[in-house]
Amino acid sequence: QVQLVESGGGLVQAGGSLRLSCAASGRTFRDNVMGWFRQAPGKERDFLAAIHWSTAVTRYADSVKGRFTISRDNAKNTVYLQMDSLKAEDTAIYYCARSIVLATTALRYDSWGQGTQVTVSS
């Protein structure tokens, strides 16, 4: 079992930046993939980005490519999501999750954090 804890959310003005963190503990494996998703009220949970722990291969949703950057610090067992040029429509709860494949669908992820709220004011 792996435990995931997100942090770094908050209120930011449009055009600003935030960096989210996801600390992993428990049964973490270097062949795992860590992903970031978000869910706005009344909407589905959307894939944003994913990274392989060992190879650092990444995958991004087209909607955030060029604005969001996923990275990891293996020594700290932490994955980050750097979010730049934020827009009001980026307002959502942001979740990190664990998978064994570099997938874009939530069903392929089996462990989830509790989420962190990001609010972008226009």
C-alpha atoms as a PDB file:
ATOM      1  CA  GLN A   1       0.000   0.000   0.000  1.00  0.00           C
ATOM      2  CA  VAL A   2       1.246   3.473  -0.827  1.00  0.00           C
ATOM      3  CA  GLN A   3       0.141   6.671   0.855  1.00  0.00           C
ATOM      4  CA  LEU A   4       0.050   9.937  -1.080  1.00  0.00           C
ATOM      5  CA  VAL A   5      -0.244  13.417   0.414  1.00  0.00           C
ATOM      6  CA  GLU A   6      -0.650  16.497  -1.769  1.00  0.00           C
ATOM      7  CA  SER A   7       0.234  20.019  -0.721  1.00  0.00           C
ATOM      8  CA  GLY A   8       0.854  23.419  -2.242  1.00  0.00           C
ATOM      9  CA  GLY A   9      -2.624  24.396  -3.326  1.00  0.00           C
ATOM     10  CA  GLY A  10      -4.113  27.784  -2.627  1.00  0.00           C
ATOM     11  CA  LEU A  11      -5.497  30.976  -4.098  1.00  0.00           C
ATOM     12  CA  VAL A  12      -3.603  32.644  -6.920  1.00  0.00           C
ATOM     13  CA  GLN A  13      -4.392  35.356  -9.451  1.00  0.00           C
ATOM     14  CA  ALA A  14      -4.744  34.570 -13.118  1.00  0.00           C
ATOM     15  CA  GLY A  15      -1.341  34.529 -14.772  1.00  0.00           C
ATOM     16  CA  GLY A  16       0.356  33.401 -11.592  1.00  0.00           C
ATOM     17  CA  SER A  17       2.091  30.158 -10.672  1.00  0.00           C
ATOM     18  CA  LEU A  18       1.829  27.403  -8.092  1.00  0.00           C
ATOM     19  CA  ARG A  19       3.870  24.295  -7.396  1.00  0.00           C
ATOM     20  CA  LEU A  20       2.053  21.275  -6.045  1.00  0.00           C
ATOM     21  CA  SER A  21       3.833  18.510  -4.190  1.00  0.00           C
ATOM     22  CA  CYS A  22       2.883  14.877  -3.693  1.00  0.00           C
ATOM     23  CA  ALA A  23       4.775  12.981  -1.007  1.00  0.00           C
ATOM     24  CA  ALA A  24       4.679   9.199  -1.309  1.00  0.00           C
ATOM     25  CA  SER A  25       5.256   6.734   1.526  1.00  0.00           C
ATOM     26  CA  GLY A  26       4.707   3.071   2.167  1.00  0.00           C
ATOM     27  CA  ARG A  27       5.272   0.531  -0.587  1.00  0.00           C
ATOM     28  CA  THR A  28       6.770   2.756  -3.262  1.00  0.00           C
ATOM     29  CA  PHE A  29       8.506   1.139  -6.217  1.00  0.00           C
ATOM     30  CA  ARG A  30      10.828   2.642  -8.745  1.00  0.00           C
ATOM     31  CA  ASP A  31       8.872   1.071 -11.627  1.00  0.00           C
ATOM     32  CA  ASN A  32       5.751   2.999 -10.657  1.00  0.00           C
ATOM     33  CA  VAL A  33       4.193   5.935 -12.457  1.00  0.00           C
ATOM     34  CA  MET A  34       2.894   8.994 -10.665  1.00  0.00           C
ATOM     35  CA  GLY A  35       0.153  11.076 -12.191  1.00  0.00           C
ATOM     36  CA  TRP A  36      -1.660  14.336 -11.542  1.00  0.00           C
ATOM     37  CA  PHE A  37      -5.374  14.771 -12.134  1.00  0.00           C
ATOM     38  CA  ARG A  38      -7.872  17.499 -11.354  1.00  0.00           C
ATOM     39  CA  GLN A  39     -11.591  17.659 -10.814  1.00  0.00           C
ATOM     40  CA  ALA A  40     -13.745  20.764 -10.974  1.00  0.00           C
ATOM     41  CA  PRO A  41     -17.250  20.836  -9.430  1.00  0.00           C
ATOM     42  CA  GLY A  42     -19.708  18.896 -11.552  1.00  0.00           C
ATOM     43  CA  LYS A  43     -17.018  17.644 -13.921  1.00  0.00           C
ATOM     44  CA  GLU A  44     -15.065  14.441 -14.413  1.00  0.00           C
ATOM     45  CA  ARG A  45     -11.602  13.853 -13.073  1.00  0.00           C
ATOM     46  CA  ASP A  46      -9.189  14.863 -15.825  1.00  0.00           C
ATOM     47  CA  PHE A  47      -5.665  13.668 -16.477  1.00  0.00           C
ATOM     48  CA  LEU A  48      -2.970  16.341 -16.455  1.00  0.00           C
ATOM     49  CA  ALA A  49       0.469  14.736 -16.421  1.00  0.00           C
ATOM     50  CA  ALA A  50       2.353  11.595 -15.443  1.00  0.00           C
ATOM     51  CA  ILE A  51       5.964  10.630 -14.838  1.00  0.00           C
ATOM     52  CA  HIS A  52       7.809   7.339 -14.464  1.00  0.00           C
ATOM     53  CA  TRP A  53       9.743   7.189 -11.206  1.00  0.00           C
ATOM     54  CA  SER A  54      12.905   5.658 -12.655  1.00  0.00           C
ATOM     55  CA  THR A  55      13.143   6.838 -16.250  1.00  0.00           C
ATOM     56  CA  ALA A  56      11.488  10.262 -15.767  1.00  0.00           C
ATOM     57  CA  VAL A  57       9.553   9.702 -18.989  1.00  0.00           C
ATOM     58  CA  THR A  58       6.594  12.069 -18.946  1.00  0.00           C
ATOM     59  CA  ARG A  59       3.208  12.385 -20.544  1.00  0.00           C
ATOM     60  CA  TYR A  60       0.948  15.456 -20.633  1.00  0.00           C
ATOM     61  CA  ALA A  61      -2.608  16.310 -21.502  1.00  0.00           C
ATOM     62  CA  ASP A  62      -2.788  18.668 -24.474  1.00  0.00           C
ATOM     63  CA  SER A  63      -4.718  21.155 -22.357  1.00  0.00           C
ATOM     64  CA  VAL A  64      -1.744  21.811 -20.067  1.00  0.00           C
ATOM     65  CA  LYS A  65       1.232  21.098 -22.305  1.00  0.00           C
ATOM     66  CA  GLY A  66       3.590  24.054 -22.186  1.00  0.00           C
ATOM     67  CA  ARG A  67       2.073  25.475 -18.976  1.00  0.00           C
ATOM     68  CA  PHE A  68       2.420  22.603 -16.494  1.00  0.00           C
ATOM     69  CA  THR A  69       5.583  20.634 -15.759  1.00  0.00           C
ATOM     70  CA  ILE A  70       5.776  17.386 -13.813  1.00  0.00           C
ATOM     71  CA  SER A  71       8.979  16.345 -12.073  1.00  0.00           C
ATOM     72  CA  ARG A  72      10.132  14.058  -9.290  1.00  0.00           C
ATOM     73  CA  ASP A  73      12.726  13.891  -6.552  1.00  0.00           C
ATOM     74  CA  ASN A  74      13.482  10.240  -5.953  1.00  0.00           C
ATOM     75  CA  ALA A  75      15.450  10.916  -2.799  1.00  0.00           C
ATOM     76  CA  LYS A  76      12.433  12.641  -1.251  1.00  0.00           C
ATOM     77  CA  ASN A  77       9.826  10.278  -2.784  1.00  0.00           C
ATOM     78  CA  THR A  78       8.047  13.403  -3.984  1.00  0.00           C
ATOM     79  CA  VAL A  79       6.448  14.363  -7.275  1.00  0.00           C
ATOM     80  CA  TYR A  80       5.827  17.966  -8.237  1.00  0.00           C
ATOM     81  CA  LEU A  81       3.494  19.782 -10.599  1.00  0.00           C
ATOM     82  CA  GLN A  82       4.696  23.234 -11.557  1.00  0.00           C
ATOM     83  CA  MET A  83       1.775  25.243 -12.892  1.00  0.00           C
ATOM     84  CA  ASP A  84       2.423  28.497 -14.747  1.00  0.00           C
ATOM     85  CA  SER A  85       0.214  31.000 -16.539  1.00  0.00           C
ATOM     86  CA  LEU A  86      -2.743  29.850 -14.497  1.00  0.00           C
ATOM     87  CA  LYS A  87      -6.250  30.585 -15.710  1.00  0.00           C
ATOM     88  CA  ALA A  88      -9.585  30.758 -13.943  1.00  0.00           C
ATOM     89  CA  GLU A  89     -10.555  27.481 -15.607  1.00  0.00           C
ATOM     90  CA  ASP A  90      -7.673  25.748 -13.822  1.00  0.00           C
ATOM     91  CA  THR A  91      -9.665  26.060 -10.594  1.00  0.00           C
ATOM     92  CA  ALA A  92     -10.212  22.538  -9.268  1.00  0.00           C
ATOM     93  CA  ILE A  93      -9.148  19.996  -6.695  1.00  0.00           C
ATOM     94  CA  TYR A  94      -5.826  18.505  -7.758  1.00  0.00           C
ATOM     95  CA  TYR A  95      -4.972  14.883  -6.998  1.00  0.00           C
ATOM     96  CA  CYS A  96      -1.877  12.770  -7.354  1.00  0.00           C
ATOM     97  CA  ALA A  97      -2.133   9.059  -7.957  1.00  0.00           C
ATOM     98  CA  ARG A  98      -0.039   5.932  -8.541  1.00  0.00           C
ATOM     99  CA  SER A  99      -0.104   3.521 -11.446  1.00  0.00           C
ATOM    100  CA  ILE A 100       2.107   0.874 -13.007  1.00  0.00           C
ATOM    101  CA  VAL A 101       1.670   2.254 -16.524  1.00  0.00           C
ATOM    102  CA  LEU A 102       2.014   5.709 -18.035  1.00  0.00           C
ATOM    103  CA  ALA A 103      -1.751   5.970 -18.372  1.00  0.00           C
ATOM    104  CA  THR A 104      -4.089   8.906 -18.904  1.00  0.00           C
ATOM    105  CA  THR A 105      -7.253   7.358 -17.495  1.00  0.00           C
ATOM    106  CA  ALA A 106      -8.076   7.501 -13.789  1.00  0.00           C
ATOM    107  CA  LEU A 107      -9.112   3.842 -13.760  1.00  0.00           C
ATOM    108  CA  ARG A 108      -5.490   2.790 -14.311  1.00  0.00           C
ATOM    109  CA  TYR A 109      -4.417   4.446 -11.035  1.00  0.00           C
ATOM    110  CA  ASP A 110      -4.915   2.491  -7.837  1.00  0.00           C
ATOM    111  CA  SER A 111      -3.777   4.822  -5.049  1.00  0.00           C
ATOM    112  CA  TRP A 112      -4.908   8.412  -4.624  1.00  0.00           C
ATOM    113  CA  GLY A 113      -4.149  11.327  -2.361  1.00  0.00           C
ATOM    114  CA  GLN A 114      -6.811  13.393  -0.638  1.00  0.00           C
ATOM    115  CA  GLY A 115      -6.447  16.298  -3.047  1.00  0.00           C
ATOM    116  CA  THR A 116      -5.483  19.942  -2.717  1.00  0.00           C
ATOM    117  CA  GLN A 117      -7.648  22.884  -3.750  1.00  0.00           C
ATOM    118  CA  VAL A 118      -6.375  25.312  -6.366  1.00  0.00           C
ATOM    119  CA  THR A 119      -8.386  28.474  -6.930  1.00  0.00           C
ATOM    120  CA  VAL A 120      -7.439  30.929  -9.661  1.00  0.00           C
ATOM    121  CA  SER A 121      -9.067  34.326  -9.465  1.00  0.00           C
ATOM    122  CA  SER A 122      -9.647  36.308 -12.648  1.00  0.00           C
END
